[in-house]
Amino acid sequence: MLFDWQILIQNVPLLAASLIVTLEAALAGLGFGFVIGVGICSLRLSRRPLFTRLGGAYIFVFRGIPLLVQLLLGVHGDTGVST
């Protein structure tokens, strides 16, 4: 089987539009992550004990739970076990 260049050429506009959507989603994720990170950092560096504990608890939870478990909980919202 050979690669069909004609199909690729026909779909260049769709691929370009998809690239733009992908870049927008990546930039939005970076922006949200930055804002959340600055907020948590501010909590952690706060002089108020309650805020410091809240920031520390957030960091403790997200650093202590493996990334795969976080992704599964984010996608499924539970353990994925059905009864």
PDB file of N, CA and C in Angstrom:
ATOM      1  N   MET A   1       0.832  -1.175   0.000  1.00  0.00           N
ATOM      2  CA  MET A   1       0.000   0.000   0.000  1.00  0.00           C
ATOM      3  C   MET A   1       0.885   1.250   0.000  1.00  0.00           C
ATOM      4  N   LEU A   2       0.588   2.137  -0.897  1.00  0.00           N
ATOM      5  CA  LEU A   2       1.314   3.387  -0.996  1.00  0.00           C
ATOM      6  C   LEU A   2       0.507   4.510  -0.369  1.00  0.00           C
ATOM      7  N   PHE A   3       1.217   5.495   0.088  1.00  0.00           N
ATOM      8  CA  PHE A   3       0.563   6.654   0.683  1.00  0.00           C
ATOM      9  C   PHE A   3      -0.096   7.473  -0.411  1.00  0.00           C
ATOM     10  N   ASP A   4      -1.352   7.834  -0.206  1.00  0.00           N
ATOM     11  CA  ASP A   4      -2.107   8.596  -1.197  1.00  0.00           C
ATOM     12  C   ASP A   4      -1.984  10.090  -0.880  1.00  0.00           C
ATOM     13  N   TRP A   5      -1.104  10.768  -1.607  1.00  0.00           N
ATOM     14  CA  TRP A   5      -0.854  12.191  -1.385  1.00  0.00           C
ATOM     15  C   TRP A   5      -2.060  13.045  -1.756  1.00  0.00           C
ATOM     16  N   GLN A   6      -2.869  12.574  -2.670  1.00  0.00           N
ATOM     17  CA  GLN A   6      -4.040  13.343  -3.113  1.00  0.00           C
ATOM     18  C   GLN A   6      -5.018  13.556  -1.953  1.00  0.00           C
ATOM     19  N   ILE A   7      -5.206  12.554  -1.123  1.00  0.00           N
ATOM     20  CA  ILE A   7      -6.107  12.681   0.028  1.00  0.00           C
ATOM     21  C   ILE A   7      -5.555  13.704   1.016  1.00  0.00           C
ATOM     22  N   LEU A   8      -4.257  13.674   1.224  1.00  0.00           N
ATOM     23  CA  LEU A   8      -3.626  14.641   2.122  1.00  0.00           C
ATOM     24  C   LEU A   8      -3.807  16.061   1.586  1.00  0.00           C
ATOM     25  N   ILE A   9      -3.592  16.256   0.330  1.00  0.00           N
ATOM     26  CA  ILE A   9      -3.724  17.579  -0.283  1.00  0.00           C
ATOM     27  C   ILE A   9      -5.169  18.072  -0.197  1.00  0.00           C
ATOM     28  N   GLN A  10      -6.123  17.179  -0.382  1.00  0.00           N
ATOM     29  CA  GLN A  10      -7.527  17.562  -0.300  1.00  0.00           C
ATOM     30  C   GLN A  10      -7.925  17.991   1.113  1.00  0.00           C
ATOM     31  N   ASN A  11      -7.259  17.433   2.102  1.00  0.00           N
ATOM     32  CA  ASN A  11      -7.635  17.694   3.493  1.00  0.00           C
ATOM     33  C   ASN A  11      -6.756  18.729   4.190  1.00  0.00           C
ATOM     34  N   VAL A  12      -5.935  19.446   3.460  1.00  0.00           N
ATOM     35  CA  VAL A  12      -5.082  20.471   4.065  1.00  0.00           C
ATOM     36  C   VAL A  12      -5.905  21.535   4.803  1.00  0.00           C
ATOM     37  N   PRO A  13      -7.013  22.041   4.265  1.00  0.00           N
ATOM     38  CA  PRO A  13      -7.791  23.040   5.025  1.00  0.00           C
ATOM     39  C   PRO A  13      -8.313  22.473   6.355  1.00  0.00           C
ATOM     40  N   LEU A  14      -8.766  21.243   6.347  1.00  0.00           N
ATOM     41  CA  LEU A  14      -9.249  20.616   7.577  1.00  0.00           C
ATOM     42  C   LEU A  14      -8.109  20.444   8.576  1.00  0.00           C
ATOM     43  N   LEU A  15      -6.952  20.035   8.100  1.00  0.00           N
ATOM     44  CA  LEU A  15      -5.793  19.869   8.975  1.00  0.00           C
ATOM     45  C   LEU A  15      -5.336  21.211   9.544  1.00  0.00           C
ATOM     46  N   ALA A  16      -5.384  22.261   8.745  1.00  0.00           N
ATOM     47  CA  ALA A  16      -4.994  23.592   9.217  1.00  0.00           C
ATOM     48  C   ALA A  16      -5.973  24.083  10.288  1.00  0.00           C
ATOM     49  N   ALA A  17      -7.261  23.887  10.066  1.00  0.00           N
ATOM     50  CA  ALA A  17      -8.260  24.281  11.064  1.00  0.00           C
ATOM     51  C   ALA A  17      -8.081  23.482  12.343  1.00  0.00           C
ATOM     52  N   SER A  18      -7.767  22.210  12.218  1.00  0.00           N
ATOM     53  CA  SER A  18      -7.542  21.371  13.397  1.00  0.00           C
ATOM     54  C   SER A  18      -6.302  21.810  14.154  1.00  0.00           C
ATOM     55  N   LEU A  19      -5.283  22.232  13.445  1.00  0.00           N
ATOM     56  CA  LEU A  19      -4.069  22.736  14.086  1.00  0.00           C
ATOM     57  C   LEU A  19      -4.372  23.985  14.903  1.00  0.00           C
ATOM     58  N   ILE A  20      -5.194  24.861  14.373  1.00  0.00           N
ATOM     59  CA  ILE A  20      -5.557  26.087  15.089  1.00  0.00           C
ATOM     60  C   ILE A  20      -6.328  25.751  16.361  1.00  0.00           C
ATOM     61  N   VAL A  21      -7.278  24.829  16.277  1.00  0.00           N
ATOM     62  CA  VAL A  21      -8.048  24.430  17.455  1.00  0.00           C
ATOM     63  C   VAL A  21      -7.132  23.790  18.493  1.00  0.00           C
ATOM     64  N   THR A  22      -6.189  22.983  18.059  1.00  0.00           N
ATOM     65  CA  THR A  22      -5.253  22.338  18.970  1.00  0.00           C
ATOM     66  C   THR A  22      -4.389  23.370  19.680  1.00  0.00           C
ATOM     67  N   LEU A  23      -3.884  24.347  18.943  1.00  0.00           N
ATOM     68  CA  LEU A  23      -3.067  25.389  19.551  1.00  0.00           C
ATOM     69  C   LEU A  23      -3.883  26.245  20.526  1.00  0.00           C
ATOM     70  N   GLU A  24      -5.132  26.538  20.179  1.00  0.00           N
ATOM     71  CA  GLU A  24      -5.994  27.291  21.093  1.00  0.00           C
ATOM     72  C   GLU A  24      -6.223  26.521  22.387  1.00  0.00           C
ATOM     73  N   ALA A  25      -6.492  25.213  22.278  1.00  0.00           N
ATOM     74  CA  ALA A  25      -6.717  24.397  23.476  1.00  0.00           C
ATOM     75  C   ALA A  25      -5.457  24.324  24.332  1.00  0.00           C
ATOM     76  N   ALA A  26      -4.297  24.210  23.687  1.00  0.00           N
ATOM     77  CA  ALA A  26      -3.043  24.146  24.431  1.00  0.00           C
ATOM     78  C   ALA A  26      -2.772  25.464  25.157  1.00  0.00           C
ATOM     79  N   LEU A  27      -2.988  26.584  24.487  1.00  0.00           N
ATOM     80  CA  LEU A  27      -2.779  27.887  25.119  1.00  0.00           C
ATOM     81  C   LEU A  27      -3.777  28.131  26.251  1.00  0.00           C
ATOM     82  N   ALA A  28      -5.012  27.702  26.065  1.00  0.00           N
ATOM     83  CA  ALA A  28      -6.005  27.846  27.131  1.00  0.00           C
ATOM     84  C   ALA A  28      -5.596  27.010  28.345  1.00  0.00           C
ATOM     85  N   GLY A  29      -5.129  25.802  28.120  1.00  0.00           N
ATOM     86  CA  GLY A  29      -4.669  24.953  29.215  1.00  0.00           C
ATOM     87  C   GLY A  29      -3.481  25.545  29.939  1.00  0.00           C
ATOM     88  N   LEU A  30      -2.550  26.109  29.181  1.00  0.00           N
ATOM     89  CA  LEU A  30      -1.396  26.770  29.797  1.00  0.00           C
ATOM     90  C   LEU A  30      -1.839  27.971  30.639  1.00  0.00           C
ATOM     91  N   GLY A  31      -2.773  28.729  30.113  1.00  0.00           N
ATOM     92  CA  GLY A  31      -3.270  29.897  30.848  1.00  0.00           C
ATOM     93  C   GLY A  31      -3.966  29.507  32.145  1.00  0.00           C
ATOM     94  N   PHE A  32      -4.868  28.524  32.065  1.00  0.00           N
ATOM     95  CA  PHE A  32      -5.569  28.070  33.269  1.00  0.00           C
ATOM     96  C   PHE A  32      -4.587  27.483  34.275  1.00  0.00           C
ATOM     97  N   GLY A  33      -3.640  26.698  33.794  1.00  0.00           N
ATOM     98  CA  GLY A  33      -2.647  26.110  34.687  1.00  0.00           C
ATOM     99  C   GLY A  33      -1.808  27.160  35.378  1.00  0.00           C
ATOM    100  N   PHE A  34      -1.453  28.199  34.645  1.00  0.00           N
ATOM    101  CA  PHE A  34      -0.664  29.286  35.227  1.00  0.00           C
ATOM    102  C   PHE A  34      -1.458  30.008  36.312  1.00  0.00           C
ATOM    103  N   VAL A  35      -2.712  30.313  36.028  1.00  0.00           N
ATOM    104  CA  VAL A  35      -3.547  31.017  37.001  1.00  0.00           C
ATOM    105  C   VAL A  35      -3.748  30.164  38.255  1.00  0.00           C
ATOM    106  N   ILE A  36      -4.035  28.879  38.074  1.00  0.00           N
ATOM    107  CA  ILE A  36      -4.210  27.994  39.230  1.00  0.00           C
ATOM    108  C   ILE A  36      -2.902  27.875  40.007  1.00  0.00           C
ATOM    109  N   GLY A  37      -1.791  27.752  39.300  1.00  0.00           N
ATOM    110  CA  GLY A  37      -0.491  27.638  39.955  1.00  0.00           C
ATOM    111  C   GLY A  37      -0.138  28.869  40.767  1.00  0.00           C
ATOM    112  N   VAL A  38      -0.397  30.048  40.214  1.00  0.00           N
ATOM    113  CA  VAL A  38      -0.119  31.284  40.944  1.00  0.00           C
ATOM    114  C   VAL A  38      -1.031  31.379  42.171  1.00  0.00           C
ATOM    115  N   GLY A  39      -2.276  30.969  42.007  1.00  0.00           N
ATOM    116  CA  GLY A  39      -3.207  30.998  43.147  1.00  0.00           C
ATOM    117  C   GLY A  39      -2.781  30.059  44.261  1.00  0.00           C
ATOM    118  N   ILE A  40      -2.405  28.845  43.917  1.00  0.00           N
ATOM    119  CA  ILE A  40      -1.965  27.878  44.923  1.00  0.00           C
ATOM    120  C   ILE A  40      -0.661  28.327  45.561  1.00  0.00           C
ATOM    121  N   CYS A  41       0.237  28.864  44.774  1.00  0.00           N
ATOM    122  CA  CYS A  41       1.498  29.389  45.306  1.00  0.00           C
ATOM    123  C   CYS A  41       1.238  30.530  46.283  1.00  0.00           C
ATOM    124  N   SER A  42       0.295  31.387  45.943  1.00  0.00           N
ATOM    125  CA  SER A  42      -0.043  32.491  46.838  1.00  0.00           C
ATOM    126  C   SER A  42      -0.629  31.974  48.145  1.00  0.00           C
ATOM    127  N   LEU A  43      -1.462  30.947  48.051  1.00  0.00           N
ATOM    128  CA  LEU A  43      -1.996  30.347  49.272  1.00  0.00           C
ATOM    129  C   LEU A  43      -0.878  29.766  50.126  1.00  0.00           C
ATOM    130  N   ARG A  44       0.006  29.055  49.480  1.00  0.00           N
ATOM    131  CA  ARG A  44       1.091  28.375  50.198  1.00  0.00           C
ATOM    132  C   ARG A  44       2.039  29.369  50.864  1.00  0.00           C
ATOM    133  N   LEU A  45       2.261  30.516  50.262  1.00  0.00           N
ATOM    134  CA  LEU A  45       3.176  31.514  50.806  1.00  0.00           C
ATOM    135  C   LEU A  45       2.481  32.531  51.708  1.00  0.00           C
ATOM    136  N   SER A  46       1.183  32.355  51.901  1.00  0.00           N
ATOM    137  CA  SER A  46       0.425  33.298  52.713  1.00  0.00           C
ATOM    138  C   SER A  46       0.884  33.248  54.170  1.00  0.00           C
ATOM    139  N   ARG A  47       0.673  34.342  54.871  1.00  0.00           N
ATOM    140  CA  ARG A  47       1.019  34.401  56.297  1.00  0.00           C
ATOM    141  C   ARG A  47      -0.128  33.894  57.168  1.00  0.00           C
ATOM    142  N   ARG A  48      -1.261  33.675  56.579  1.00  0.00           N
ATOM    143  CA  ARG A  48      -2.405  33.166  57.343  1.00  0.00           C
ATOM    144  C   ARG A  48      -2.344  31.639  57.373  1.00  0.00           C
ATOM    145  N   PRO A  49      -2.410  31.064  58.547  1.00  0.00           N
ATOM    146  CA  PRO A  49      -2.262  29.608  58.665  1.00  0.00           C
ATOM    147  C   PRO A  49      -3.315  28.807  57.891  1.00  0.00           C
ATOM    148  N   LEU A  50      -4.547  29.300  57.849  1.00  0.00           N
ATOM    149  CA  LEU A  50      -5.596  28.575  57.129  1.00  0.00           C
ATOM    150  C   LEU A  50      -5.272  28.494  55.640  1.00  0.00           C
ATOM    151  N   PHE A  51      -4.875  29.607  55.051  1.00  0.00           N
ATOM    152  CA  PHE A  51      -4.546  29.615  53.623  1.00  0.00           C
ATOM    153  C   PHE A  51      -3.330  28.743  53.330  1.00  0.00           C
ATOM    154  N   THR A  52      -2.341  28.806  54.231  1.00  0.00           N
ATOM    155  CA  THR A  52      -1.146  27.990  54.043  1.00  0.00           C
ATOM    156  C   THR A  52      -1.501  26.504  54.073  1.00  0.00           C
ATOM    157  N   ARG A  53      -2.375  26.130  54.991  1.00  0.00           N
ATOM    158  CA  ARG A  53      -2.791  24.721  55.077  1.00  0.00           C
ATOM    159  C   ARG A  53      -3.610  24.300  53.858  1.00  0.00           C
ATOM    160  N   LEU A  54      -4.472  25.188  53.370  1.00  0.00           N
ATOM    161  CA  LEU A  54      -5.263  24.858  52.178  1.00  0.00           C
ATOM    162  C   LEU A  54      -4.357  24.639  50.965  1.00  0.00           C
ATOM    163  N   GLY A  55      -3.402  25.539  50.787  1.00  0.00           N
ATOM    164  CA  GLY A  55      -2.455  25.377  49.687  1.00  0.00           C
ATOM    165  C   GLY A  55      -1.624  24.125  49.842  1.00  0.00           C
ATOM    166  N   GLY A  56      -1.183  23.850  51.053  1.00  0.00           N
ATOM    167  CA  GLY A  56      -0.407  22.645  51.315  1.00  0.00           C
ATOM    168  C   GLY A  56      -1.221  21.380  51.084  1.00  0.00           C
ATOM    169  N   ALA A  57      -2.491  21.407  51.475  1.00  0.00           N
ATOM    170  CA  ALA A  57      -3.352  20.235  51.272  1.00  0.00           C
ATOM    171  C   ALA A  57      -3.557  19.973  49.776  1.00  0.00           C
ATOM    172  N   TYR A  58      -3.774  21.024  49.010  1.00  0.00           N
ATOM    173  CA  TYR A  58      -3.939  20.870  47.564  1.00  0.00           C
ATOM    174  C   TYR A  58      -2.697  20.242  46.948  1.00  0.00           C
ATOM    175  N   ILE A  59      -1.540  20.769  47.323  1.00  0.00           N
ATOM    176  CA  ILE A  59      -0.282  20.234  46.794  1.00  0.00           C
ATOM    177  C   ILE A  59      -0.084  18.799  47.247  1.00  0.00           C
ATOM    178  N   PHE A  60      -0.371  18.508  48.508  1.00  0.00           N
ATOM    179  CA  PHE A  60      -0.203  17.153  49.037  1.00  0.00           C
ATOM    180  C   PHE A  60      -1.070  16.153  48.275  1.00  0.00           C
ATOM    181  N   VAL A  61      -2.320  16.527  48.023  1.00  0.00           N
ATOM    182  CA  VAL A  61      -3.236  15.610  47.336  1.00  0.00           C
ATOM    183  C   VAL A  61      -2.775  15.360  45.905  1.00  0.00           C
ATOM    184  N   PHE A  62      -2.460  16.420  45.162  1.00  0.00           N
ATOM    185  CA  PHE A  62      -2.130  16.235  43.757  1.00  0.00           C
ATOM    186  C   PHE A  62      -0.739  15.671  43.536  1.00  0.00           C
ATOM    187  N   ARG A  63       0.159  15.842  44.489  1.00  0.00           N
ATOM    188  CA  ARG A  63       1.473  15.217  44.363  1.00  0.00           C
ATOM    189  C   ARG A  63       1.437  13.780  44.858  1.00  0.00           C
ATOM    190  N   GLY A  64       0.495  13.469  45.744  1.00  0.00           N
ATOM    191  CA  GLY A  64       0.440  12.137  46.344  1.00  0.00           C
ATOM    192  C   GLY A  64      -0.342  11.121  45.540  1.00  0.00           C
ATOM    193  N   ILE A  65      -1.242  11.585  44.692  1.00  0.00           N
ATOM    194  CA  ILE A  65      -2.054  10.672  43.880  1.00  0.00           C
ATOM    195  C   ILE A  65      -1.369  10.505  42.524  1.00  0.00           C
ATOM    196  N   PRO A  66      -1.146   9.271  42.084  1.00  0.00           N
ATOM    197  CA  PRO A  66      -0.511   9.063  40.774  1.00  0.00           C
ATOM    198  C   PRO A  66      -1.319   9.712  39.645  1.00  0.00           C
ATOM    199  N   LEU A  67      -0.614  10.161  38.621  1.00  0.00           N
ATOM    200  CA  LEU A  67      -1.250  10.885  37.519  1.00  0.00           C
ATOM    201  C   LEU A  67      -2.306  10.034  36.814  1.00  0.00           C
ATOM    202  N   LEU A  68      -2.044   8.755  36.638  1.00  0.00           N
ATOM    203  CA  LEU A  68      -3.022   7.888  35.969  1.00  0.00           C
ATOM    204  C   LEU A  68      -4.321   7.828  36.758  1.00  0.00           C
ATOM    205  N   VAL A  69      -4.230   7.753  38.066  1.00  0.00           N
ATOM    206  CA  VAL A  69      -5.435   7.733  38.906  1.00  0.00           C
ATOM    207  C   VAL A  69      -6.174   9.061  38.781  1.00  0.00           C
ATOM    208  N   GLN A  70      -5.452  10.169  38.755  1.00  0.00           N
ATOM    209  CA  GLN A  70      -6.091  11.471  38.583  1.00  0.00           C
ATOM    210  C   GLN A  70      -6.811  11.552  37.239  1.00  0.00           C
ATOM    211  N   LEU A  71      -6.168  11.058  36.199  1.00  0.00           N
ATOM    212  CA  LEU A  71      -6.800  11.084  34.874  1.00  0.00           C
ATOM    213  C   LEU A  71      -8.049  10.214  34.846  1.00  0.00           C
ATOM    214  N   LEU A  72      -7.982   9.028  35.445  1.00  0.00           N
ATOM    215  CA  LEU A  72      -9.153   8.148  35.473  1.00  0.00           C
ATOM    216  C   LEU A  72     -10.286   8.772  36.277  1.00  0.00           C
ATOM    217  N   LEU A  73      -9.960   9.386  37.404  1.00  0.00           N
ATOM    218  CA  LEU A  73     -10.995  10.055  38.189  1.00  0.00           C
ATOM    219  C   LEU A  73     -11.579  11.247  37.436  1.00  0.00           C
ATOM    220  N   GLY A  74     -10.754  11.958  36.704  1.00  0.00           N
ATOM    221  CA  GLY A  74     -11.239  13.092  35.930  1.00  0.00           C
ATOM    222  C   GLY A  74     -12.146  12.681  34.786  1.00  0.00           C
ATOM    223  N   VAL A  75     -11.829  11.559  34.159  1.00  0.00           N
ATOM    224  CA  VAL A  75     -12.630  11.102  33.023  1.00  0.00           C
ATOM    225  C   VAL A  75     -13.903  10.415  33.489  1.00  0.00           C
ATOM    226  N   HIS A  76     -13.768   9.519  34.466  1.00  0.00           N
ATOM    227  CA  HIS A  76     -14.916   8.722  34.894  1.00  0.00           C
ATOM    228  C   HIS A  76     -15.663   9.319  36.074  1.00  0.00           C
ATOM    229  N   GLY A  77     -14.991  10.121  36.880  1.00  0.00           N
ATOM    230  CA  GLY A  77     -15.643  10.738  38.017  1.00  0.00           C
ATOM    231  C   GLY A  77     -15.776   9.822  39.215  1.00  0.00           C
ATOM    232  N   ASP A  78     -15.414   8.574  39.058  1.00  0.00           N
ATOM    233  CA  ASP A  78     -15.427   7.633  40.167  1.00  0.00           C
ATOM    234  C   ASP A  78     -14.339   6.587  39.906  1.00  0.00           C
ATOM    235  N   THR A  79     -14.397   5.490  40.595  1.00  0.00           N
ATOM    236  CA  THR A  79     -13.360   4.472  40.422  1.00  0.00           C
ATOM    237  C   THR A  79     -13.540   3.675  39.155  1.00  0.00           C
ATOM    238  N   GLY A  80     -14.654   3.831  38.490  1.00  0.00           N
ATOM    239  CA  GLY A  80     -14.900   3.080  37.248  1.00  0.00           C
ATOM    240  C   GLY A  80     -15.507   1.726  37.509  1.00  0.00           C
ATOM    241  N   VAL A  81     -15.771   1.410  38.777  1.00  0.00           N
ATOM    242  CA  VAL A  81     -16.369   0.121  39.130  1.00  0.00           C
ATOM    243  C   VAL A  81     -17.871   0.297  39.145  1.00  0.00           C
ATOM    244  N   SER A  82     -18.554  -0.484  38.358  1.00  0.00           N
ATOM    245  CA  SER A  82     -20.021  -0.390  38.335  1.00  0.00           C
ATOM    246  C   SER A  82     -20.620  -1.571  39.067  1.00  0.00           C
ATOM    247  N   THR A  83     -21.764  -1.318  39.685  1.00  0.00           N
ATOM    248  CA  THR A  83     -22.423  -2.392  40.436  1.00  0.00           C
ATOM    249  C   THR A  83     -23.632  -2.869  39.710  1.00  0.00           C
TER     250      THR A  83
END
